[in-house]
Amino acid sequence: MLKMKRVSEAYDLKVFTDGGDYFGDVEDCLVMSNKVSGWKIKATKNSFLSRVIGSAKGVIVPHQLVKAVGDILIISKSAVPSSGHPDEPEE
């Protein structure tokens, strides 16, 4: 059964990648034409996102890359921005 939630209930949810990495917290939701188009994720202390993007405050993840919303938000690993460091292997 599909369970409906208010968008406001998603604020401050913990965000994880489908690989199990803690990504950040939901800061806001982008709505266009009565549909969720994206999620604004803030980089929090000790999150994977804060290590990858450095001084930026967060990123916007398109809703198509969200796999599940419940007690946490799960996103596809393809939503993770690349750090651009030559030491890191590309996937």
Protein backbone atom coordinates (compact mmCIF):
# COMPACT_ATOMS: atom_id res chain seq x y z
CA MET A 1 0.00 0.00 0.00
CA LEU A 2 1.25 3.48 -0.89
CA LYS A 3 1.69 5.70 2.15
CA MET A 4 1.31 9.43 1.56
CA LYS A 5 3.56 11.93 3.36
CA ARG A 6 3.63 15.68 3.51
CA VAL A 7 6.70 17.25 1.98
CA SER A 8 7.30 19.10 5.24
CA GLU A 9 7.77 15.73 6.97
CA ALA A 10 10.85 15.14 4.81
CA TYR A 11 12.77 18.16 6.16
CA ASP A 12 15.84 17.15 8.18
CA LEU A 13 15.60 13.50 7.10
CA LYS A 14 18.95 11.74 6.94
CA VAL A 15 19.99 10.97 3.36
CA PHE A 16 21.93 7.82 2.47
CA THR A 17 23.18 6.48 -0.86
CA ASP A 18 22.03 3.06 -2.02
CA GLY A 19 25.58 1.95 -1.15
CA GLY A 20 24.99 2.80 2.53
CA ASP A 21 27.01 6.04 2.77
CA TYR A 22 25.58 8.88 4.90
CA PHE A 23 25.14 11.70 2.37
CA GLY A 24 23.64 14.63 4.34
CA ASP A 25 20.26 15.97 5.49
CA VAL A 26 17.22 17.18 3.53
CA GLU A 27 17.06 20.96 3.68
CA ASP A 28 14.29 21.72 1.20
CA CYS A 29 12.15 20.30 -1.57
CA LEU A 30 11.78 21.75 -5.07
CA VAL A 31 8.23 21.53 -6.44
CA MET A 32 7.22 22.33 -10.03
CA SER A 33 3.74 21.81 -11.48
CA ASN A 34 2.54 20.03 -8.31
CA LYS A 35 5.36 17.46 -8.57
CA VAL A 36 8.57 17.09 -6.62
CA SER A 37 11.40 17.90 -9.03
CA GLY A 38 14.37 17.82 -6.68
CA TRP A 39 15.72 17.75 -3.13
CA LYS A 40 18.11 20.27 -1.62
CA ILE A 41 20.56 18.28 0.51
CA LYS A 42 22.78 20.12 3.00
CA ALA A 43 26.28 18.92 3.74
CA THR A 44 26.46 18.11 7.43
CA LYS A 45 29.45 17.39 9.63
CA ASN A 46 30.92 13.92 8.98
CA SER A 47 28.78 13.36 5.88
CA PHE A 48 30.16 11.96 2.63
CA LEU A 49 28.86 15.06 0.87
CA SER A 50 30.87 17.46 3.05
CA ARG A 51 34.06 15.57 2.20
CA VAL A 52 33.36 15.62 -1.54
CA ILE A 53 32.16 19.20 -2.09
CA GLY A 54 34.42 21.01 0.35
CA SER A 55 33.20 24.52 1.16
CA ALA A 56 29.83 24.32 -0.64
CA LYS A 57 26.76 24.13 1.59
CA GLY A 58 24.98 21.36 -0.30
CA VAL A 59 23.66 20.03 -3.59
CA ILE A 60 20.36 19.57 -5.38
CA VAL A 61 19.49 15.96 -6.15
CA PRO A 62 16.92 15.41 -8.94
CA HIS A 63 13.88 13.46 -7.74
CA GLN A 64 14.52 10.79 -10.41
CA LEU A 65 17.59 9.73 -8.41
CA VAL A 66 15.60 9.20 -5.19
CA LYS A 67 14.96 5.50 -4.60
CA ALA A 68 12.91 5.65 -1.38
CA VAL A 69 11.47 8.07 1.17
CA GLY A 70 10.50 6.88 4.63
CA ASP A 71 12.31 7.33 7.93
CA ILE A 72 15.34 8.18 5.76
CA LEU A 73 15.79 9.22 2.14
CA ILE A 74 17.74 6.83 -0.10
CA ILE A 75 19.33 8.16 -3.27
CA SER A 76 21.18 6.52 -6.14
CA LYS A 77 24.96 6.54 -5.84
CA SER A 78 25.01 8.24 -9.26
CA ALA A 79 23.77 11.41 -7.50
CA VAL A 80 27.10 11.70 -5.69
CA PRO A 81 29.18 14.50 -7.20
CA SER A 82 32.73 13.59 -8.18
CA SER A 83 35.40 15.24 -6.08
CA GLY A 84 37.69 15.84 -9.02
CA HIS A 85 40.74 14.55 -7.13
CA PRO A 86 43.13 12.60 -9.39
CA ASP A 87 43.87 10.18 -6.51
CA GLU A 88 40.28 8.94 -6.41
CA PRO A 89 39.31 6.17 -8.82
CA GLU A 90 36.47 6.88 -11.21
CA GLU A 91 33.47 4.50 -11.22
